[in-house]
Amino acid sequence: ELELANNLGQQLMTETLVAGDTTSLDTTIEYSGLRMVVVRDVSTDN
């Protein structure tokens, strides 16, 4: 679980930073057979 959560987190963080996606996210994702809740808060300041 920890390994899958880490992989998913790194993937989502990279996608967010590379794409410059500034939308917040609160969703459930099924990743490799495990259902996880992802909460992403994005803020821009200057």
ModelCIF file with pLDDT and N, C-alpha, C, O atoms, coordinates in Angstrom:
data_MODEL
#
_entry.id   MODEL 
#
_entity.id                         1 
_entity.type                       polymer 
_entity.pdbx_number_of_molecules   1 
#
_entity_poly.entity_id                      1 
_entity_poly.type                           'polypeptide(L)' 
_entity_poly.nstd_linkage                   no 
_entity_poly.nstd_monomer                   no 
_entity_poly.pdbx_seq_one_letter_code       ELELANNLGQQLMTETLVAGDTTSLDTTIEYSGLRMVVVRDVSTDN 
_entity_poly.pdbx_seq_one_letter_code_can   ELELANNLGQQLMTETLVAGDTTSLDTTIEYSGLRMVVVRDVSTDN 
_entity_poly.pdbx_strand_id                 A 
#
loop_
_entity_poly_seq.entity_id 
_entity_poly_seq.num 
_entity_poly_seq.mon_id 
_entity_poly_seq.hetero 
1 1  GLU n 
1 2  LEU n 
1 3  GLU n 
1 4  LEU n 
1 5  ALA n 
1 6  ASN n 
1 7  ASN n 
1 8  LEU n 
1 9  GLY n 
1 10 GLN n 
1 11 GLN n 
1 12 LEU n 
1 13 MET n 
1 14 THR n 
1 15 GLU n 
1 16 THR n 
1 17 LEU n 
1 18 VAL n 
1 19 ALA n 
1 20 GLY n 
1 21 ASP n 
1 22 THR n 
1 23 THR n 
1 24 SER n 
1 25 LEU n 
1 26 ASP n 
1 27 THR n 
1 28 THR n 
1 29 ILE n 
1 30 GLU n 
1 31 TYR n 
1 32 SER n 
1 33 GLY n 
1 34 LEU n 
1 35 ARG n 
1 36 MET n 
1 37 VAL n 
1 38 VAL n 
1 39 VAL n 
1 40 ARG n 
1 41 ASP n 
1 42 VAL n 
1 43 SER n 
1 44 THR n 
1 45 ASP n 
1 46 ASN n 
#
_struct_asym.id          A 
_struct_asym.entity_id   1 
#
loop_
_ma_qa_metric.id 
_ma_qa_metric.mode 
_ma_qa_metric.name 
_ma_qa_metric.software_group_id 
_ma_qa_metric.type 
1 global pLDDT . pLDDT 
2 local  pLDDT . pLDDT 
#
_ma_qa_metric_global.metric_id      1 
_ma_qa_metric_global.metric_value   84.00 
_ma_qa_metric_global.model_id       1 
_ma_qa_metric_global.ordinal_id     1 
#
loop_
_ma_qa_metric_local.label_asym_id 
_ma_qa_metric_local.label_comp_id 
_ma_qa_metric_local.label_seq_id 
_ma_qa_metric_local.metric_id 
_ma_qa_metric_local.metric_value 
_ma_qa_metric_local.model_id 
_ma_qa_metric_local.ordinal_id 
A GLU 1  2 83.00 1 1  
A LEU 2  2 84.00 1 2  
A GLU 3  2 86.00 1 3  
A LEU 4  2 86.00 1 4  
A ALA 5  2 88.00 1 5  
A ASN 6  2 89.00 1 6  
A ASN 7  2 89.00 1 7  
A LEU 8  2 87.00 1 8  
A GLY 9  2 88.00 1 9  
A GLN 10 2 89.00 1 10 
A GLN 11 2 87.00 1 11 
A LEU 12 2 86.00 1 12 
A MET 13 2 86.00 1 13 
A THR 14 2 85.00 1 14 
A GLU 15 2 83.00 1 15 
A THR 16 2 81.00 1 16 
A LEU 17 2 78.00 1 17 
A VAL 18 2 80.00 1 18 
A ALA 19 2 79.00 1 19 
A GLY 20 2 70.00 1 20 
A ASP 21 2 73.00 1 21 
A THR 22 2 74.00 1 22 
A THR 23 2 79.00 1 23 
A SER 24 2 82.00 1 24 
A LEU 25 2 81.00 1 25 
A ASP 26 2 87.00 1 26 
A THR 27 2 87.00 1 27 
A THR 28 2 88.00 1 28 
A ILE 29 2 85.00 1 29 
A GLU 30 2 87.00 1 30 
A TYR 31 2 79.00 1 31 
A SER 32 2 79.00 1 32 
A GLY 33 2 80.00 1 33 
A LEU 34 2 81.00 1 34 
A ARG 35 2 87.00 1 35 
A MET 36 2 89.00 1 36 
A VAL 37 2 91.00 1 37 
A VAL 38 2 90.00 1 38 
A VAL 39 2 91.00 1 39 
A ARG 40 2 90.00 1 40 
A ASP 41 2 89.00 1 41 
A VAL 42 2 86.00 1 42 
A SER 43 2 84.00 1 43 
A THR 44 2 81.00 1 44 
A ASP 45 2 81.00 1 45 
A ASN 46 2 79.00 1 46 
#
loop_
_atom_site.group_PDB 
_atom_site.id 
_atom_site.type_symbol 
_atom_site.label_atom_id 
_atom_site.label_alt_id 
_atom_site.label_comp_id 
_atom_site.label_asym_id 
_atom_site.label_entity_id 
_atom_site.label_seq_id 
_atom_site.pdbx_PDB_ins_code 
_atom_site.Cartn_x 
_atom_site.Cartn_y 
_atom_site.Cartn_z 
_atom_site.occupancy 
_atom_site.B_iso_or_equiv 
_atom_site.pdbx_formal_charge 
_atom_site.auth_seq_id 
_atom_site.auth_comp_id 
_atom_site.auth_asym_id 
_atom_site.auth_atom_id 
_atom_site.pdbx_PDB_model_num 
ATOM 1   N N  . GLU A 1 1  ? 0.829   -1.215 0.000   1.00 83.00 ? 1  GLU A N  1 
ATOM 2   C CA . GLU A 1 1  ? 0.000   0.000  0.000   1.00 83.00 ? 1  GLU A CA 1 
ATOM 3   C C  . GLU A 1 1  ? 0.855   1.255  0.000   1.00 83.00 ? 1  GLU A C  1 
ATOM 4   O O  . GLU A 1 1  ? 0.594   2.192  -0.753  1.00 83.00 ? 1  GLU A O  1 
ATOM 5   N N  . LEU A 1 2  ? 1.875   1.271  0.843   1.00 84.00 ? 2  LEU A N  1 
ATOM 6   C CA . LEU A 1 2  ? 2.740   2.444  0.911   1.00 84.00 ? 2  LEU A CA 1 
ATOM 7   C C  . LEU A 1 2  ? 3.493   2.652  -0.400  1.00 84.00 ? 2  LEU A C  1 
ATOM 8   O O  . LEU A 1 2  ? 3.655   3.786  -0.851  1.00 84.00 ? 2  LEU A O  1 
ATOM 9   N N  . GLU A 1 3  ? 3.945   1.580  -1.001  1.00 86.00 ? 3  GLU A N  1 
ATOM 10  C CA . GLU A 1 3  ? 4.662   1.696  -2.270  1.00 86.00 ? 3  GLU A CA 1 
ATOM 11  C C  . GLU A 1 3  ? 3.743   2.206  -3.374  1.00 86.00 ? 3  GLU A C  1 
ATOM 12  O O  . GLU A 1 3  ? 4.129   3.083  -4.146  1.00 86.00 ? 3  GLU A O  1 
ATOM 13  N N  . LEU A 1 4  ? 2.534   1.664  -3.453  1.00 86.00 ? 4  LEU A N  1 
ATOM 14  C CA . LEU A 1 4  ? 1.590   2.125  -4.475  1.00 86.00 ? 4  LEU A CA 1 
ATOM 15  C C  . LEU A 1 4  ? 1.173   3.571  -4.249  1.00 86.00 ? 4  LEU A C  1 
ATOM 16  O O  . LEU A 1 4  ? 1.042   4.339  -5.202  1.00 86.00 ? 4  LEU A O  1 
ATOM 17  N N  . ALA A 1 5  ? 0.965   3.947  -2.981  1.00 88.00 ? 5  ALA A N  1 
ATOM 18  C CA . ALA A 1 5  ? 0.601   5.336  -2.673  1.00 88.00 ? 5  ALA A CA 1 
ATOM 19  C C  . ALA A 1 5  ? 1.743   6.274  -3.038  1.00 88.00 ? 5  ALA A C  1 
ATOM 20  O O  . ALA A 1 5  ? 1.508   7.364  -3.558  1.00 88.00 ? 5  ALA A O  1 
ATOM 21  N N  . ASN A 1 6  ? 2.969   5.862  -2.772  1.00 89.00 ? 6  ASN A N  1 
ATOM 22  C CA . ASN A 1 6  ? 4.120   6.685  -3.124  1.00 89.00 ? 6  ASN A CA 1 
ATOM 23  C C  . ASN A 1 6  ? 4.240   6.838  -4.633  1.00 89.00 ? 6  ASN A C  1 
ATOM 24  O O  . ASN A 1 6  ? 4.477   7.942  -5.123  1.00 89.00 ? 6  ASN A O  1 
ATOM 25  N N  . ASN A 1 7  ? 4.081   5.749  -5.376  1.00 89.00 ? 7  ASN A N  1 
ATOM 26  C CA . ASN A 1 7  ? 4.148   5.819  -6.843  1.00 89.00 ? 7  ASN A CA 1 
ATOM 27  C C  . ASN A 1 7  ? 3.055   6.716  -7.403  1.00 89.00 ? 7  ASN A C  1 
ATOM 28  O O  . ASN A 1 7  ? 3.310   7.547  -8.275  1.00 89.00 ? 7  ASN A O  1 
ATOM 29  N N  . LEU A 1 8  ? 1.835   6.546  -6.898  1.00 87.00 ? 8  LEU A N  1 
ATOM 30  C CA . LEU A 1 8  ? 0.723   7.376  -7.362  1.00 87.00 ? 8  LEU A CA 1 
ATOM 31  C C  . LEU A 1 8  ? 0.967   8.843  -7.010  1.00 87.00 ? 8  LEU A C  1 
ATOM 32  O O  . LEU A 1 8  ? 0.730   9.730  -7.830  1.00 87.00 ? 8  LEU A O  1 
ATOM 33  N N  . GLY A 1 9  ? 1.434   9.092  -5.806  1.00 88.00 ? 9  GLY A N  1 
ATOM 34  C CA . GLY A 1 9  ? 1.694   10.470 -5.383  1.00 88.00 ? 9  GLY A CA 1 
ATOM 35  C C  . GLY A 1 9  ? 2.765   11.142 -6.226  1.00 88.00 ? 9  GLY A C  1 
ATOM 36  O O  . GLY A 1 9  ? 2.607   12.292 -6.635  1.00 88.00 ? 9  GLY A O  1 
ATOM 37  N N  . GLN A 1 10 ? 3.864   10.424 -6.490  1.00 89.00 ? 10 GLN A N  1 
ATOM 38  C CA . GLN A 1 10 ? 4.921   10.990 -7.333  1.00 89.00 ? 10 GLN A CA 1 
ATOM 39  C C  . GLN A 1 10 ? 4.415   11.254 -8.747  1.00 89.00 ? 10 GLN A C  1 
ATOM 40  O O  . GLN A 1 10 ? 4.755   12.268 -9.356  1.00 89.00 ? 10 GLN A O  1 
ATOM 41  N N  . GLN A 1 11 ? 3.601   10.333 -9.266  1.00 87.00 ? 11 GLN A N  1 
ATOM 42  C CA . GLN A 1 11 ? 3.045   10.504 -10.613 1.00 87.00 ? 11 GLN A CA 1 
ATOM 43  C C  . GLN A 1 11 ? 2.124   11.724 -10.670 1.00 87.00 ? 11 GLN A C  1 
ATOM 44  O O  . GLN A 1 11 ? 2.232   12.542 -11.583 1.00 87.00 ? 11 GLN A O  1 
ATOM 45  N N  . LEU A 1 12 ? 1.228   11.846 -9.705  1.00 86.00 ? 12 LEU A N  1 
ATOM 46  C CA . LEU A 1 12 ? 0.304   12.986 -9.697  1.00 86.00 ? 12 LEU A CA 1 
ATOM 47  C C  . LEU A 1 12 ? 1.033   14.301 -9.466  1.00 86.00 ? 12 LEU A C  1 
ATOM 48  O O  . LEU A 1 12 ? 0.675   15.316 -10.063 1.00 86.00 ? 12 LEU A O  1 
ATOM 49  N N  . MET A 1 13 ? 2.050   14.299 -8.610  1.00 86.00 ? 13 MET A N  1 
ATOM 50  C CA . MET A 1 13 ? 2.816   15.513 -8.345  1.00 86.00 ? 13 MET A CA 1 
ATOM 51  C C  . MET A 1 13 ? 3.550   15.953 -9.607  1.00 86.00 ? 13 MET A C  1 
ATOM 52  O O  . MET A 1 13 ? 3.556   17.138 -9.942  1.00 86.00 ? 13 MET A O  1 
ATOM 53  N N  . THR A 1 14 ? 4.163   15.011 -10.301 1.00 85.00 ? 14 THR A N  1 
ATOM 54  C CA . THR A 1 14 ? 4.880   15.340 -11.536 1.00 85.00 ? 14 THR A CA 1 
ATOM 55  C C  . THR A 1 14 ? 3.926   15.868 -12.599 1.00 85.00 ? 14 THR A C  1 
ATOM 56  O O  . THR A 1 14 ? 4.217   16.863 -13.263 1.00 85.00 ? 14 THR A O  1 
ATOM 57  N N  . GLU A 1 15 ? 2.783   15.199 -12.759 1.00 83.00 ? 15 GLU A N  1 
ATOM 58  C CA . GLU A 1 15 ? 1.796   15.670 -13.743 1.00 83.00 ? 15 GLU A CA 1 
ATOM 59  C C  . GLU A 1 15 ? 1.318   17.077 -13.405 1.00 83.00 ? 15 GLU A C  1 
ATOM 60  O O  . GLU A 1 15 ? 1.149   17.914 -14.292 1.00 83.00 ? 15 GLU A O  1 
ATOM 61  N N  . THR A 1 16 ? 1.102   17.330 -12.125 1.00 81.00 ? 16 THR A N  1 
ATOM 62  C CA . THR A 1 16 ? 0.614   18.649 -11.702 1.00 81.00 ? 16 THR A CA 1 
ATOM 63  C C  . THR A 1 16 ? 1.653   19.728 -11.967 1.00 81.00 ? 16 THR A C  1 
ATOM 64  O O  . THR A 1 16 ? 1.324   20.793 -12.490 1.00 81.00 ? 16 THR A O  1 
ATOM 65  N N  . LEU A 1 17 ? 2.902   19.461 -11.612 1.00 78.00 ? 17 LEU A N  1 
ATOM 66  C CA . LEU A 1 17 ? 3.950   20.470 -11.773 1.00 78.00 ? 17 LEU A CA 1 
ATOM 67  C C  . LEU A 1 17 ? 4.313   20.685 -13.244 1.00 78.00 ? 17 LEU A C  1 
ATOM 68  O O  . LEU A 1 17 ? 4.535   21.821 -13.663 1.00 78.00 ? 17 LEU A O  1 
ATOM 69  N N  . VAL A 1 18 ? 4.374   19.617 -14.024 1.00 80.00 ? 18 VAL A N  1 
ATOM 70  C CA . VAL A 1 18 ? 4.748   19.751 -15.431 1.00 80.00 ? 18 VAL A CA 1 
ATOM 71  C C  . VAL A 1 18 ? 3.642   20.447 -16.215 1.00 80.00 ? 18 VAL A C  1 
ATOM 72  O O  . VAL A 1 18 ? 3.911   21.327 -17.034 1.00 80.00 ? 18 VAL A O  1 
ATOM 73  N N  . ALA A 1 19 ? 2.406   20.052 -15.964 1.00 79.00 ? 19 ALA A N  1 
ATOM 74  C CA . ALA A 1 19 ? 1.288   20.634 -16.712 1.00 79.00 ? 19 ALA A CA 1 
ATOM 75  C C  . ALA A 1 19 ? 0.904   22.012 -16.175 1.00 79.00 ? 19 ALA A C  1 
ATOM 76  O O  . ALA A 1 19 ? 0.208   22.767 -16.854 1.00 79.00 ? 19 ALA A O  1 
ATOM 77  N N  . GLY A 1 20 ? 1.345   22.342 -14.976 1.00 70.00 ? 20 GLY A N  1 
ATOM 78  C CA . GLY A 1 20 ? 0.959   23.624 -14.384 1.00 70.00 ? 20 GLY A CA 1 
ATOM 79  C C  . GLY A 1 20 ? -0.514  23.657 -14.044 1.00 70.00 ? 20 GLY A C  1 
ATOM 80  O O  . GLY A 1 20 ? -1.134  24.721 -14.050 1.00 70.00 ? 20 GLY A O  1 
ATOM 81  N N  . ASP A 1 21 ? -1.083  22.492 -13.747 1.00 73.00 ? 21 ASP A N  1 
ATOM 82  C CA . ASP A 1 21 ? -2.502  22.369 -13.427 1.00 73.00 ? 21 ASP A CA 1 
ATOM 83  C C  . ASP A 1 21 ? -2.775  23.027 -12.078 1.00 73.00 ? 21 ASP A C  1 
ATOM 84  O O  . ASP A 1 21 ? -2.228  22.596 -11.063 1.00 73.00 ? 21 ASP A O  1 
ATOM 85  N N  . THR A 1 22 ? -3.606  24.054 -12.052 1.00 74.00 ? 22 THR A N  1 
ATOM 86  C CA . THR A 1 22 ? -3.873  24.795 -10.824 1.00 74.00 ? 22 THR A CA 1 
ATOM 87  C C  . THR A 1 22 ? -5.225  24.465 -10.211 1.00 74.00 ? 22 THR A C  1 
ATOM 88  O O  . THR A 1 22 ? -5.701  25.188 -9.335  1.00 74.00 ? 22 THR A O  1 
ATOM 89  N N  . THR A 1 23 ? -5.851  23.379 -10.661 1.00 79.00 ? 23 THR A N  1 
ATOM 90  C CA . THR A 1 23 ? -7.144  23.004 -10.091 1.00 79.00 ? 23 THR A CA 1 
ATOM 91  C C  . THR A 1 23 ? -6.927  22.065 -8.910  1.00 79.00 ? 23 THR A C  1 
ATOM 92  O O  . THR A 1 23 ? -6.060  21.191 -8.942  1.00 79.00 ? 23 THR A O  1 
ATOM 93  N N  . SER A 1 24 ? -7.718  22.259 -7.884  1.00 82.00 ? 24 SER A N  1 
ATOM 94  C CA . SER A 1 24 ? -7.669  21.355 -6.741  1.00 82.00 ? 24 SER A CA 1 
ATOM 95  C C  . SER A 1 24 ? -8.445  20.093 -7.077  1.00 82.00 ? 24 SER A C  1 
ATOM 96  O O  . SER A 1 24 ? -9.279  20.084 -7.983  1.00 82.00 ? 24 SER A O  1 
ATOM 97  N N  . LEU A 1 25 ? -8.162  19.028 -6.335  1.00 81.00 ? 25 LEU A N  1 
ATOM 98  C CA . LEU A 1 25 ? -8.729  17.730 -6.669  1.00 81.00 ? 25 LEU A CA 1 
ATOM 99  C C  . LEU A 1 25 ? -9.094  17.007 -5.384  1.00 81.00 ? 25 LEU A C  1 
ATOM 100 O O  . LEU A 1 25 ? -8.330  17.016 -4.419  1.00 81.00 ? 25 LEU A O  1 
ATOM 101 N N  . ASP A 1 26 ? -10.261 16.384 -5.374  1.00 87.00 ? 26 ASP A N  1 
ATOM 102 C CA . ASP A 1 26 ? -10.684 15.544 -4.252  1.00 87.00 ? 26 ASP A CA 1 
ATOM 103 C C  . ASP A 1 26 ? -11.468 14.390 -4.865  1.00 87.00 ? 26 ASP A C  1 
ATOM 104 O O  . ASP A 1 26 ? -12.654 14.525 -5.165  1.00 87.00 ? 26 ASP A O  1 
ATOM 105 N N  . THR A 1 27 ? -10.800 13.260 -5.048  1.00 87.00 ? 27 THR A N  1 
ATOM 106 C CA . THR A 1 27 ? -11.417 12.160 -5.772  1.00 87.00 ? 27 THR A CA 1 
ATOM 107 C C  . THR A 1 27 ? -10.924 10.817 -5.248  1.00 87.00 ? 27 THR A C  1 
ATOM 108 O O  . THR A 1 27 ? -9.946  10.746 -4.504  1.00 87.00 ? 27 THR A O  1 
ATOM 109 N N  . THR A 1 28 ? -11.610 9.768  -5.646  1.00 88.00 ? 28 THR A N  1 
ATOM 110 C CA . THR A 1 28 ? -11.201 8.402  -5.326  1.00 88.00 ? 28 THR A CA 1 
ATOM 111 C C  . THR A 1 28 ? -10.633 7.766  -6.585  1.00 88.00 ? 28 THR A C  1 
ATOM 112 O O  . THR A 1 28 ? -11.233 7.828  -7.659  1.00 88.00 ? 28 THR A O  1 
ATOM 113 N N  . ILE A 1 29 ? -9.464  7.153  -6.431  1.00 85.00 ? 29 ILE A N  1 
ATOM 114 C CA . ILE A 1 29 ? -8.781  6.542  -7.567  1.00 85.00 ? 29 ILE A CA 1 
ATOM 115 C C  . ILE A 1 29 ? -8.512  5.077  -7.238  1.00 85.00 ? 29 ILE A C  1 
ATOM 116 O O  . ILE A 1 29 ? -8.084  4.743  -6.133  1.00 85.00 ? 29 ILE A O  1 
ATOM 117 N N  . GLU A 1 30 ? -8.773  4.205  -8.224  1.00 87.00 ? 30 GLU A N  1 
ATOM 118 C CA . GLU A 1 30 ? -8.379  2.806  -8.065  1.00 87.00 ? 30 GLU A CA 1 
ATOM 119 C C  . GLU A 1 30 ? -7.058  2.640  -8.795  1.00 87.00 ? 30 GLU A C  1 
ATOM 120 O O  . GLU A 1 30 ? -6.970  2.846  -10.006 1.00 87.00 ? 30 GLU A O  1 
ATOM 121 N N  . TYR A 1 31 ? -6.037  2.267  -8.045  1.00 79.00 ? 31 TYR A N  1 
ATOM 122 C CA . TYR A 1 31 ? -4.692  2.174  -8.579  1.00 79.00 ? 31 TYR A CA 1 
ATOM 123 C C  . TYR A 1 31 ? -4.130  0.812  -8.212  1.00 79.00 ? 31 TYR A C  1 
ATOM 124 O O  . TYR A 1 31 ? -3.922  0.530  -7.032  1.00 79.00 ? 31 TYR A O  1 
ATOM 125 N N  . SER A 1 32 ? -3.884  -0.027 -9.186  1.00 79.00 ? 32 SER A N  1 
ATOM 126 C CA . SER A 1 32 ? -3.357  -1.384 -9.000  1.00 79.00 ? 32 SER A CA 1 
ATOM 127 C C  . SER A 1 32 ? -4.191  -2.199 -8.019  1.00 79.00 ? 32 SER A C  1 
ATOM 128 O O  . SER A 1 32 ? -3.649  -2.933 -7.193  1.00 79.00 ? 32 SER A O  1 
ATOM 129 N N  . GLY A 1 33 ? -5.502  -2.068 -8.115  1.00 80.00 ? 33 GLY A N  1 
ATOM 130 C CA . GLY A 1 33 ? -6.402  -2.865 -7.289  1.00 80.00 ? 33 GLY A CA 1 
ATOM 131 C C  . GLY A 1 33 ? -6.719  -2.278 -5.934  1.00 80.00 ? 33 GLY A C  1 
ATOM 132 O O  . GLY A 1 33 ? -7.519  -2.857 -5.199  1.00 80.00 ? 33 GLY A O  1 
ATOM 133 N N  . LEU A 1 34 ? -6.128  -1.153 -5.568  1.00 81.00 ? 34 LEU A N  1 
ATOM 134 C CA . LEU A 1 34 ? -6.424  -0.500 -4.287  1.00 81.00 ? 34 LEU A CA 1 
ATOM 135 C C  . LEU A 1 34 ? -7.164  0.804  -4.528  1.00 81.00 ? 34 LEU A C  1 
ATOM 136 O O  . LEU A 1 34 ? -6.815  1.577  -5.420  1.00 81.00 ? 34 LEU A O  1 
ATOM 137 N N  . ARG A 1 35 ? -8.191  1.036  -3.721  1.00 87.00 ? 35 ARG A N  1 
ATOM 138 C CA . ARG A 1 35 ? -8.954  2.281  -3.844  1.00 87.00 ? 35 ARG A CA 1 
ATOM 139 C C  . ARG A 1 35 ? -8.405  3.282  -2.835  1.00 87.00 ? 35 ARG A C  1 
ATOM 140 O O  . ARG A 1 35 ? -8.382  3.029  -1.630  1.00 87.00 ? 35 ARG A O  1 
ATOM 141 N N  . MET A 1 36 ? -7.960  4.433  -3.360  1.00 89.00 ? 36 MET A N  1 
ATOM 142 C CA . MET A 1 36 ? -7.360  5.465  -2.525  1.00 89.00 ? 36 MET A CA 1 
ATOM 143 C C  . MET A 1 36 ? -8.033  6.805  -2.794  1.00 89.00 ? 36 MET A C  1 
ATOM 144 O O  . MET A 1 36 ? -8.443  7.106  -3.915  1.00 89.00 ? 36 MET A O  1 
ATOM 145 N N  . VAL A 1 37 ? -8.134  7.594  -1.739  1.00 91.00 ? 37 VAL A N  1 
ATOM 146 C CA . VAL A 1 37 ? -8.687  8.936  -1.844  1.00 91.00 ? 37 VAL A CA 1 
ATOM 147 C C  . VAL A 1 37 ? -7.523  9.906  -2.021  1.00 91.00 ? 37 VAL A C  1 
ATOM 148 O O  . VAL A 1 37 ? -6.575  9.914  -1.236  1.00 91.00 ? 37 VAL A O  1 
ATOM 149 N N  . VAL A 1 38 ? -7.614  10.720 -3.066  1.00 90.00 ? 38 VAL A N  1 
ATOM 150 C CA . VAL A 1 38 ? -6.567  11.696 -3.367  1.00 90.00 ? 38 VAL A CA 1 
ATOM 151 C C  . VAL A 1 38 ? -7.131  13.093 -3.134  1.00 90.00 ? 38 VAL A C  1 
ATOM 152 O O  . VAL A 1 38 ? -8.168  13.459 -3.687  1.00 90.00 ? 38 VAL A O  1 
ATOM 153 N N  . VAL A 1 39 ? -6.434  13.861 -2.310  1.00 91.00 ? 39 VAL A N  1 
ATOM 154 C CA . VAL A 1 39 ? -6.808  15.259 -2.075  1.00 91.00 ? 39 VAL A CA 1 
ATOM 155 C C  . VAL A 1 39 ? -5.617  16.113 -2.492  1.00 91.00 ? 39 VAL A C  1 
ATOM 156 O O  . VAL A 1 39 ? -4.530  16.013 -1.923  1.00 91.00 ? 39 VAL A O  1 
ATOM 157 N N  . ARG A 1 40 ? -5.843  16.957 -3.501  1.00 90.00 ? 40 ARG A N  1 
ATOM 158 C CA . ARG A 1 40 ? -4.779  17.828 -4.003  1.00 90.00 ? 40 ARG A CA 1 
ATOM 159 C C  . ARG A 1 40 ? -5.230  19.275 -3.864  1.00 90.00 ? 40 ARG A C  1 
ATOM 160 O O  . ARG A 1 40 ? -6.265  19.673 -4.398  1.00 90.00 ? 40 ARG A O  1 
ATOM 161 N N  . ASP A 1 41 ? -4.442  20.046 -3.143  1.00 89.00 ? 41 ASP A N  1 
ATOM 162 C CA . ASP A 1 41 ? -4.689  21.483 -3.010  1.00 89.00 ? 41 ASP A CA 1 
ATOM 163 C C  . ASP A 1 41 ? -3.582  22.220 -3.741  1.00 89.00 ? 41 ASP A C  1 
ATOM 164 O O  . ASP A 1 41 ? -2.398  22.043 -3.455  1.00 89.00 ? 41 ASP A O  1 
ATOM 165 N N  . VAL A 1 42 ? -3.989  23.048 -4.688  1.00 86.00 ? 42 VAL A N  1 
ATOM 166 C CA . VAL A 1 42 ? -3.023  23.806 -5.479  1.00 86.00 ? 42 VAL A CA 1 
ATOM 167 C C  . VAL A 1 42 ? -3.301  25.284 -5.260  1.00 86.00 ? 42 VAL A C  1 
ATOM 168 O O  . VAL A 1 42 ? -4.446  25.729 -5.340  1.00 86.00 ? 42 VAL A O  1 
ATOM 169 N N  . SER A 1 43 ? -2.253  26.036 -4.986  1.00 84.00 ? 43 SER A N  1 
ATOM 170 C CA . SER A 1 43 ? -2.422  27.478 -4.819  1.00 84.00 ? 43 SER A CA 1 
ATOM 171 C C  . SER A 1 43 ? -1.292  28.199 -5.542  1.00 84.00 ? 43 SER A C  1 
ATOM 172 O O  . SER A 1 43 ? -0.168  27.706 -5.634  1.00 84.00 ? 43 SER A O  1 
ATOM 173 N N  . THR A 1 44 ? -1.622  29.366 -6.046  1.00 81.00 ? 44 THR A N  1 
ATOM 174 C CA . THR A 1 44 ? -0.617  30.203 -6.703  1.00 81.00 ? 44 THR A CA 1 
ATOM 175 C C  . THR A 1 44 ? -0.527  31.508 -5.936  1.00 81.00 ? 44 THR A C  1 
ATOM 176 O O  . THR A 1 44 ? -1.536  32.120 -5.586  1.00 81.00 ? 44 THR A O  1 
ATOM 177 N N  . ASP A 1 45 ? 0.691   31.912 -5.688  1.00 81.00 ? 45 ASP A N  1 
ATOM 178 C CA . ASP A 1 45 ? 0.934   33.156 -4.970  1.00 81.00 ? 45 ASP A CA 1 
ATOM 179 C C  . ASP A 1 45 ? 2.055   33.883 -5.690  1.00 81.00 ? 45 ASP A C  1 
ATOM 180 O O  . ASP A 1 45 ? 3.213   33.469 -5.628  1.00 81.00 ? 45 ASP A O  1 
ATOM 181 N N  . ASN A 1 46 ? 1.712   34.959 -6.369  1.00 79.00 ? 46 ASN A N  1 
ATOM 182 C CA . ASN A 1 46 ? 2.657   35.716 -7.196  1.00 79.00 ? 46 ASN A CA 1 
ATOM 183 C C  . ASN A 1 46 ? 3.309   34.789 -8.218  1.00 79.00 ? 46 ASN A C  1 
ATOM 184 O O  . ASN A 1 46 ? 4.138   35.232 -9.013  1.00 79.00 ? 46 ASN A O  1 
#
